[in-house]
C-alpha atoms as a PDB file:
ATOM      1  CA  MET A   1     113.206 118.827 116.016  1.00  0.00           C
ATOM      2  CA  ASP A   2     114.713 117.245 112.969  1.00  0.00           C
ATOM      3  CA  VAL A   3     114.227 113.339 112.170  1.00  0.00           C
ATOM      4  CA  ILE A   4     113.918 111.156 109.103  1.00  0.00           C
ATOM      5  CA  LEU A   5     110.820 108.713 108.536  1.00  0.00           C
ATOM      6  CA  LEU A   6     111.909 105.125 108.148  1.00  0.00           C
ATOM      7  CA  LYS A   7     107.763 104.156 107.085  1.00  0.00           C
ATOM      8  CA  ASP A   8     105.659 106.066 105.322  1.00  0.00           C
ATOM      9  CA  VAL A   9     103.587 108.026 107.755  1.00  0.00           C
ATOM     10  CA  GLU A  10     100.136 108.856 107.774  1.00  0.00           C
ATOM     11  CA  LYS A  11      99.933 112.900 107.677  1.00  0.00           C
ATOM     12  CA  VAL A  12     103.824 113.253 108.791  1.00  0.00           C
ATOM     13  CA  GLY A  13     105.742 111.781 105.566  1.00  0.00           C
ATOM     14  CA  LEU A  14     107.262 109.493 103.378  1.00  0.00           C
ATOM     15  CA  ARG A  15     110.091 107.724 103.694  1.00  0.00           C
ATOM     16  CA  GLY A  16     113.361 109.073 103.404  1.00  0.00           C
ATOM     17  CA  GLU A  17     112.358 112.292 104.240  1.00  0.00           C
ATOM     18  CA  VAL A  18     113.503 114.994 106.430  1.00  0.00           C
ATOM     19  CA  VAL A  19     110.279 116.160 109.057  1.00  0.00           C
ATOM     20  CA  SER A  20     110.024 118.200 111.803  1.00  0.00           C
ATOM     21  CA  VAL A  21     108.096 116.693 114.484  1.00  0.00           C
ATOM     22  CA  ALA A  22     107.507 117.850 118.079  1.00  0.00           C
ATOM     23  CA  ARG A  23     110.264 115.832 120.259  1.00  0.00           C
ATOM     24  CA  GLY A  24     107.240 114.338 122.777  1.00  0.00           C
ATOM     25  CA  TYR A  25     106.062 112.948 119.115  1.00  0.00           C
ATOM     26  CA  ALA A  26     109.649 111.272 117.957  1.00  0.00           C
ATOM     27  CA  ARG A  27     110.368 109.811 121.374  1.00  0.00           C
ATOM     28  CA  ASN A  28     107.325 108.359 122.449  1.00  0.00           C
ATOM     29  CA  PHE A  29     105.949 107.654 119.156  1.00  0.00           C
ATOM     30  CA  LEU A  30     108.401 107.175 115.765  1.00  0.00           C
ATOM     31  CA  PHE A  31     111.296 106.488 117.440  1.00  0.00           C
ATOM     32  CA  PRO A  32     110.160 103.254 119.640  1.00  0.00           C
ATOM     33  CA  ARG A  33     108.154 101.750 116.888  1.00  0.00           C
ATOM     34  CA  SER A  34     111.039 102.084 114.434  1.00  0.00           C
ATOM     35  CA  LEU A  35     108.899 105.081 112.125  1.00  0.00           C
ATOM     36  CA  ALA A  36     111.990 107.121 112.006  1.00  0.00           C
ATOM     37  CA  GLN A  37     115.763 108.257 113.161  1.00  0.00           C
ATOM     38  CA  GLU A  38     117.032 111.437 114.169  1.00  0.00           C
ATOM     39  CA  ALA A  39     118.602 113.836 111.526  1.00  0.00           C
ATOM     40  CA  THR A  40     121.697 113.790 112.360  1.00  0.00           C
ATOM     41  CA  ASP A  41     124.532 116.070 109.630  1.00  0.00           C
ATOM     42  CA  ALA A  42     125.652 112.451 108.123  1.00  0.00           C
ATOM     43  CA  ARG A  43     121.941 110.226 107.862  1.00  0.00           C
ATOM     44  CA  VAL A  44     120.833 114.068 106.095  1.00  0.00           C
ATOM     45  CA  ALA A  45     123.352 114.426 103.833  1.00  0.00           C
ATOM     46  CA  GLU A  46     122.908 110.506 102.663  1.00  0.00           C
ATOM     47  CA  VAL A  47     119.239 111.195 102.313  1.00  0.00           C
ATOM     48  CA  ARG A  48     120.118 114.215 100.256  1.00  0.00           C
ATOM     49  CA  LYS A  49     122.513 112.349  97.573  1.00  0.00           C
ATOM     50  CA  ARG A  50     120.142 109.387  97.651  1.00  0.00           C
ATOM     51  CA  ASP A  51     117.392 111.915  96.159  1.00  0.00           C
ATOM     52  CA  ALA A  52     119.376 113.282  93.489  1.00  0.00           C
ATOM     53  CA  GLU A  53     120.693 109.858  92.746  1.00  0.00           C
ATOM     54  CA  ARG A  54     116.459 108.787  92.087  1.00  0.00           C
ATOM     55  CA  THR A  55     116.383 112.306  90.373  1.00  0.00           C
ATOM     56  CA  ARG A  56     118.594 111.308  87.063  1.00  0.00           C
ATOM     57  CA  HIS A  57     116.043 108.584  86.623  1.00  0.00           C
ATOM     58  CA  GLU A  58     113.243 110.866  86.601  1.00  0.00           C
ATOM     59  CA  ALA A  59     111.702 112.248  82.850  1.00  0.00           C
ATOM     60  CA  LYS A  60     113.207 115.567  82.110  1.00  0.00           C
ATOM     61  CA  THR A  61     111.032 116.639  79.278  1.00  0.00           C
ATOM     62  CA  ALA A  62     107.735 115.551  78.254  1.00  0.00           C
ATOM     63  CA  GLU A  63     109.074 112.988  75.196  1.00  0.00           C
ATOM     64  CA  GLN A  64     110.987 111.053  78.070  1.00  0.00           C
ATOM     65  CA  ALA A  65     107.318 111.155  80.878  1.00  0.00           C
ATOM     66  CA  GLN A  66     105.412 110.333  77.570  1.00  0.00           C
ATOM     67  CA  SER A  67     107.157 107.038  76.842  1.00  0.00           C
ATOM     68  CA  ILE A  68     107.148 105.965  80.609  1.00  0.00           C
ATOM     69  CA  ALA A  69     103.296 106.912  80.309  1.00  0.00           C
ATOM     70  CA  ASP A  70     102.924 105.108  77.759  1.00  0.00           C
ATOM     71  CA  THR A  71     105.088 101.144  79.598  1.00  0.00           C
ATOM     72  CA  LEU A  72     103.197 102.783  82.802  1.00  0.00           C
ATOM     73  CA  ALA A  73      99.735 102.728  81.061  1.00  0.00           C
ATOM     74  CA  LYS A  74     100.504  99.002  79.917  1.00  0.00           C
ATOM     75  CA  THR A  75     101.856  97.787  83.944  1.00  0.00           C
ATOM     76  CA  VAL A  76     100.063  95.838  86.536  1.00  0.00           C
ATOM     77  CA  LEU A  77     101.614  95.930  89.650  1.00  0.00           C
ATOM     78  CA  ARG A  78     100.343  93.446  92.365  1.00  0.00           C
ATOM     79  CA  PHE A  79     100.567  93.346  96.295  1.00  0.00           C
ATOM     80  CA  GLU A  80      99.992  90.652  98.271  1.00  0.00           C
ATOM     81  CA  VAL A  81      99.137  91.732 102.005  1.00  0.00           C
ATOM     82  CA  LYS A  82      98.206  89.993 104.963  1.00  0.00           C
ATOM     83  CA  ALA A  83      94.213  90.766 104.971  1.00  0.00           C
ATOM     84  CA  GLY A  84      90.992  89.991 107.695  1.00  0.00           C
ATOM     85  CA  PRO A  85      87.864  88.621 106.772  1.00  0.00           C
ATOM     86  CA  THR A  86      86.017  91.482 105.352  1.00  0.00           C
ATOM     87  CA  GLY A  87      89.294  92.569 103.066  1.00  0.00           C
ATOM     88  CA  SER A  88      90.863  94.818 105.216  1.00  0.00           C
ATOM     89  CA  LEU A  89      95.263  95.241 105.434  1.00  0.00           C
ATOM     90  CA  PHE A  90      97.082  94.318 108.522  1.00  0.00           C
ATOM     91  CA  GLY A  91      98.849  97.696 107.398  1.00  0.00           C
ATOM     92  CA  SER A  92      98.436  99.544 104.177  1.00  0.00           C
ATOM     93  CA  VAL A  93      99.737  99.385 101.060  1.00  0.00           C
ATOM     94  CA  THR A  94     101.779 103.147 100.787  1.00  0.00           C
ATOM     95  CA  PRO A  95     103.364 105.751  97.726  1.00  0.00           C
ATOM     96  CA  THR A  96     106.528 104.517  98.660  1.00  0.00           C
ATOM     97  CA  ASP A  97     105.131 101.061  98.144  1.00  0.00           C
ATOM     98  CA  ILE A  98     104.462 102.008  95.355  1.00  0.00           C
ATOM     99  CA  ALA A  99     107.102 103.587  94.130  1.00  0.00           C
ATOM    100  CA  ASP A 100     109.166 100.962  94.873  1.00  0.00           C
ATOM    101  CA  GLU A 101     107.479  98.683  93.687  1.00  0.00           C
ATOM    102  CA  LEU A 102     107.585 100.397  89.813  1.00  0.00           C
ATOM    103  CA  TRP A 103     111.479 100.498  90.670  1.00  0.00           C
ATOM    104  CA  ARG A 104     112.070  97.195  90.765  1.00  0.00           C
ATOM    105  CA  THR A 105     109.782  95.686  88.159  1.00  0.00           C
ATOM    106  CA  ARG A 106     110.191  98.400  85.621  1.00  0.00           C
ATOM    107  CA  LYS A 107     113.331 100.656  86.259  1.00  0.00           C
ATOM    108  CA  ILE A 108     111.283 103.330  86.214  1.00  0.00           C
ATOM    109  CA  ARG A 109     111.800 105.823  89.493  1.00  0.00           C
ATOM    110  CA  VAL A 110     108.636 108.076  89.782  1.00  0.00           C
ATOM    111  CA  ASP A 111     108.803 111.037  92.699  1.00  0.00           C
ATOM    112  CA  ARG A 112     106.565 109.443  95.256  1.00  0.00           C
ATOM    113  CA  ARG A 113     104.424 113.064  95.851  1.00  0.00           C
ATOM    114  CA  LYS A 114     103.466 112.622  92.402  1.00  0.00           C
ATOM    115  CA  ILE A 115     101.803 109.227  93.160  1.00  0.00           C
ATOM    116  CA  GLY A 116      98.183 110.431  94.068  1.00  0.00           C
ATOM    117  CA  VAL A 117      96.344 108.117  96.275  1.00  0.00           C
ATOM    118  CA  ASP A 118      96.168 107.961 100.001  1.00  0.00           C
ATOM    119  CA  ASN A 119      97.519 104.293 101.662  1.00  0.00           C
ATOM    120  CA  ILE A 120      95.400 102.044 100.234  1.00  0.00           C
ATOM    121  CA  LYS A 121      93.690  99.276 103.645  1.00  0.00           C
ATOM    122  CA  ARG A 122      91.760  97.242 101.510  1.00  0.00           C
ATOM    123  CA  ILE A 123      92.019  94.587  98.902  1.00  0.00           C
ATOM    124  CA  GLY A 124      90.506  95.604  95.640  1.00  0.00           C
ATOM    125  CA  ARG A 125      91.423  96.438  91.859  1.00  0.00           C
ATOM    126  CA  TYR A 126      92.856 100.322  91.730  1.00  0.00           C
ATOM    127  CA  ASP A 127      94.207 102.656  89.113  1.00  0.00           C
ATOM    128  CA  VAL A 128      96.336 104.855  90.758  1.00  0.00           C
ATOM    129  CA  PRO A 129      96.878 108.110  88.881  1.00  0.00           C
ATOM    130  CA  ILE A 130     100.891 109.191  88.727  1.00  0.00           C
ATOM    131  CA  ASP A 131     102.155 112.601  87.412  1.00  0.00           C
ATOM    132  CA  VAL A 132     104.821 112.199  85.258  1.00  0.00           C
ATOM    133  CA  PHE A 133     105.802 115.548  84.198  1.00  0.00           C
ATOM    134  CA  GLN A 134     103.827 118.295  83.460  1.00  0.00           C
ATOM    135  CA  ASP A 135     101.099 117.152  81.752  1.00  0.00           C
ATOM    136  CA  VAL A 136     102.044 114.067  81.022  1.00  0.00           C
ATOM    137  CA  ARG A 137      99.613 111.704  83.950  1.00  0.00           C
ATOM    138  CA  VAL A 138      98.682 108.343  83.380  1.00  0.00           C
ATOM    139  CA  ASP A 139      96.890 105.593  85.645  1.00  0.00           C
ATOM    140  CA  VAL A 140      98.569 102.869  86.655  1.00  0.00           C
ATOM    141  CA  LYS A 141      96.175  99.207  87.312  1.00  0.00           C
ATOM    142  CA  THR A 142      97.194  97.771  90.669  1.00  0.00           C
ATOM    143  CA  LEU A 143      95.780  95.103  92.211  1.00  0.00           C
ATOM    144  CA  VAL A 144      96.152  94.449  96.524  1.00  0.00           C
ATOM    145  CA  VAL A 145      95.529  90.619  96.817  1.00  0.00           C
ATOM    146  CA  PRO A 146      95.085  88.786  99.744  1.00  0.00           C
ATOM    147  CA  GLU A 147      98.242  86.785 100.807  1.00  0.00           C
ATOM    148  CA  GLY A 148      98.413  83.000  99.790  1.00  0.00           C
ATOM    149  CA  GLY A 149      94.719  83.863  97.693  1.00  0.00           C
ATOM    150  CA  GLU A 150      93.074  85.783  95.001  1.00  0.00           C
ATOM    151  CA  LEU A 151      91.319  88.598  94.357  1.00  0.00           C
ATOM    152  CA  PRO A 152      87.017  88.572  94.432  1.00  0.00           C
ATOM    153  CA  SER A 153      85.452  89.661  91.555  1.00  0.00           C
ATOM    154  CA  ASP A 154      83.801  93.927  92.192  1.00  0.00           C
ATOM    155  CA  GLU A 155      80.692  92.944  93.997  1.00  0.00           C
ATOM    156  CA  GLU A 156      82.122  90.271  96.369  1.00  0.00           C
ATOM    157  CA  LEU A 157      84.318  93.123  97.640  1.00  0.00           C
ATOM    158  CA  ASP A 158      82.042  95.683  97.599  1.00  0.00           C
ATOM    159  CA  ALA A 159      80.062  92.815 100.147  1.00  0.00           C
ATOM    160  CA  MET A 160      82.833  92.531 101.761  1.00  0.00           C
ATOM    161  CA  ALA A 161      83.342  96.231 102.789  1.00  0.00           C
ATOM    162  CA  ALA A 162      79.058  96.421 103.433  1.00  0.00           C
ATOM    163  CA  ALA A 163      80.153  93.831 105.765  1.00  0.00           C
ATOM    164  CA  GLU A 164      82.665  95.153 107.244  1.00  0.00           C
ATOM    165  CA  LEU A 165      80.258  98.414 107.479  1.00  0.00           C
ATOM    166  CA  ALA A 166      77.670  96.940 109.498  1.00  0.00           C
ATOM    167  CA  GLU A 167      79.745  95.890 111.935  1.00  0.00           C
ATOM    168  CA  GLN A 168      81.236  98.431 113.050  1.00  0.00           C
ATOM    169  CA  PRO A 169      79.399  99.605 116.767  1.00  0.00           C
ATOM    170  CA  ALA A 170      77.249 102.981 116.138  1.00  0.00           C
ATOM    171  CA  ALA A 171      79.771 104.896 118.803  1.00  0.00           C
ATOM    172  CA  GLU A 172      79.202 108.326 117.684  1.00  0.00           C
ATOM    173  CA  PRO A 173      75.506 108.777 118.467  1.00  0.00           C
ATOM    174  CA  ALA A 174      76.464 107.126 121.764  1.00  0.00           C
ATOM    175  CA  ALA A 175      79.044 109.414 122.287  1.00  0.00           C
ATOM    176  CA  GLU A 176      77.030 112.285 120.924  1.00  0.00           C
ATOM    177  CA  ALA A 177      73.978 111.436 123.735  1.00  0.00           C
ATOM    178  CA  GLU A 178      76.395 110.903 126.355  1.00  0.00           C
ATOM    179  CA  LEU A 179      78.436 114.464 125.183  1.00  0.00           C
ATOM    180  CA  ASP A 180      74.462 115.882 124.885  1.00  0.00           C
ATOM    181  CA  GLU A 181      73.652 114.766 128.402  1.00  0.00           C
ATOM    182  CA  LEU A 182      76.796 116.497 129.881  1.00  0.00           C
ATOM    183  CA  GLU A 183      76.559 119.602 127.964  1.00  0.00           C
ATOM    184  CA  PRO A 184      74.303 121.924 128.738  1.00  0.00           C
ATOM    185  CA  SER A 185      70.890 122.729 126.728  1.00  0.00           C
ATOM    186  CA  ALA A 186      70.593 126.281 124.435  1.00  0.00           C
ATOM    187  CA  GLN A 187      67.767 126.821 126.647  1.00  0.00           C
ATOM    188  CA  GLU A 188      69.495 125.521 130.074  1.00  0.00           C
ATOM    189  CA  ARG A 189      72.426 127.412 129.078  1.00  0.00           C
ATOM    190  CA  ALA A 190      70.099 130.870 128.672  1.00  0.00           C
ATOM    191  CA  VAL A 191      68.151 130.113 131.890  1.00  0.00           C
ATOM    192  CA  GLU A 192      71.893 129.908 133.786  1.00  0.00           C
ATOM    193  CA  SER A 193      72.778 133.288 131.591  1.00  0.00           C
ATOM    194  CA  GLU A 194      69.490 134.850 133.404  1.00  0.00           C
ATOM    195  CA  SER A 195      69.926 133.518 136.255  1.00  0.00           C
ATOM    196  CA  ASP A 196      73.416 135.186 136.724  1.00  0.00           C
ATOM    197  CA  ASP A 197      71.861 138.506 134.877  1.00  0.00           C
ATOM    198  CA  PHE A 198      69.274 138.320 137.534  1.00  0.00           C
ATOM    199  CA  ASP A 199      71.984 137.416 141.023  1.00  0.00           C
ATOM    200  CA  GLU A 200      74.109 140.583 139.063  1.00  0.00           C
ATOM    201  CA  ASP A 201      71.636 142.728 139.636  1.00  0.00           C
ATOM    202  CA  VAL A 202      70.030 141.495 143.100  1.00  0.00           C
ATOM    203  CA  ALA A 203      73.645 142.310 144.387  1.00  0.00           C
ATOM    204  CA  ALA A 204      74.219 145.817 143.065  1.00  0.00           C
ATOM    205  CA  ALA A 205      70.681 146.640 144.270  1.00  0.00           C
ATOM    206  CA  ALA A 206      71.834 145.864 147.927  1.00  0.00           C
ATOM    207  CA  GLU A 207      74.914 147.395 147.587  1.00  0.00           C
ATOM    208  CA  ASN A 208      72.505 150.790 146.294  1.00  0.00           C
ATOM    209  CA  ALA A 209      70.288 150.331 149.118  1.00  0.00           C
ATOM    210  CA  GLU A 210      73.829 150.157 151.842  1.00  0.00           C
ATOM    211  CA  LEU A 211      75.050 153.322 150.413  1.00  0.00           C
END
């Protein structure tokens, strides 16, 4: 079924986009979490109208694009977000968030699909690439800061990321070990195959003896 995303959904689409998803996924996941709504004709028409309005604010020529790029190169975006002690966000900063902040602070409209970054999930300093126009790309400095605090140094950020990685349980090797226990080894499969072949040969021999 077709739905309109109310928020960015990883691997599905960006807020405001009309996407096709499985009906069960929409009813059991997207709708209960207010991540999407059903794409009725009236709602789709409103989305199209809003997209057309946004397009009017985007660069139409290389000269306009370069002027916008010059402004963006001097821009520093700042997001204050809730984060854990190791720097992981309770949520994420999405391409839509970045596009909205550029419009709010600079009145510059950029296509969210041309913002070359995945959802940001840790505090830190980021250079976010944006394709303003054909052959016109600019990096926008973006700070993701813990709510009510200051951004640690790069060395502290690296240490926090390393600490979080060290705290993660070694679940994958254990899972692989369990899988190895459940799945027969290559040698066991070969023995089973030989046993099956042997049983088939015995059965064939018995049938020929009866004939």
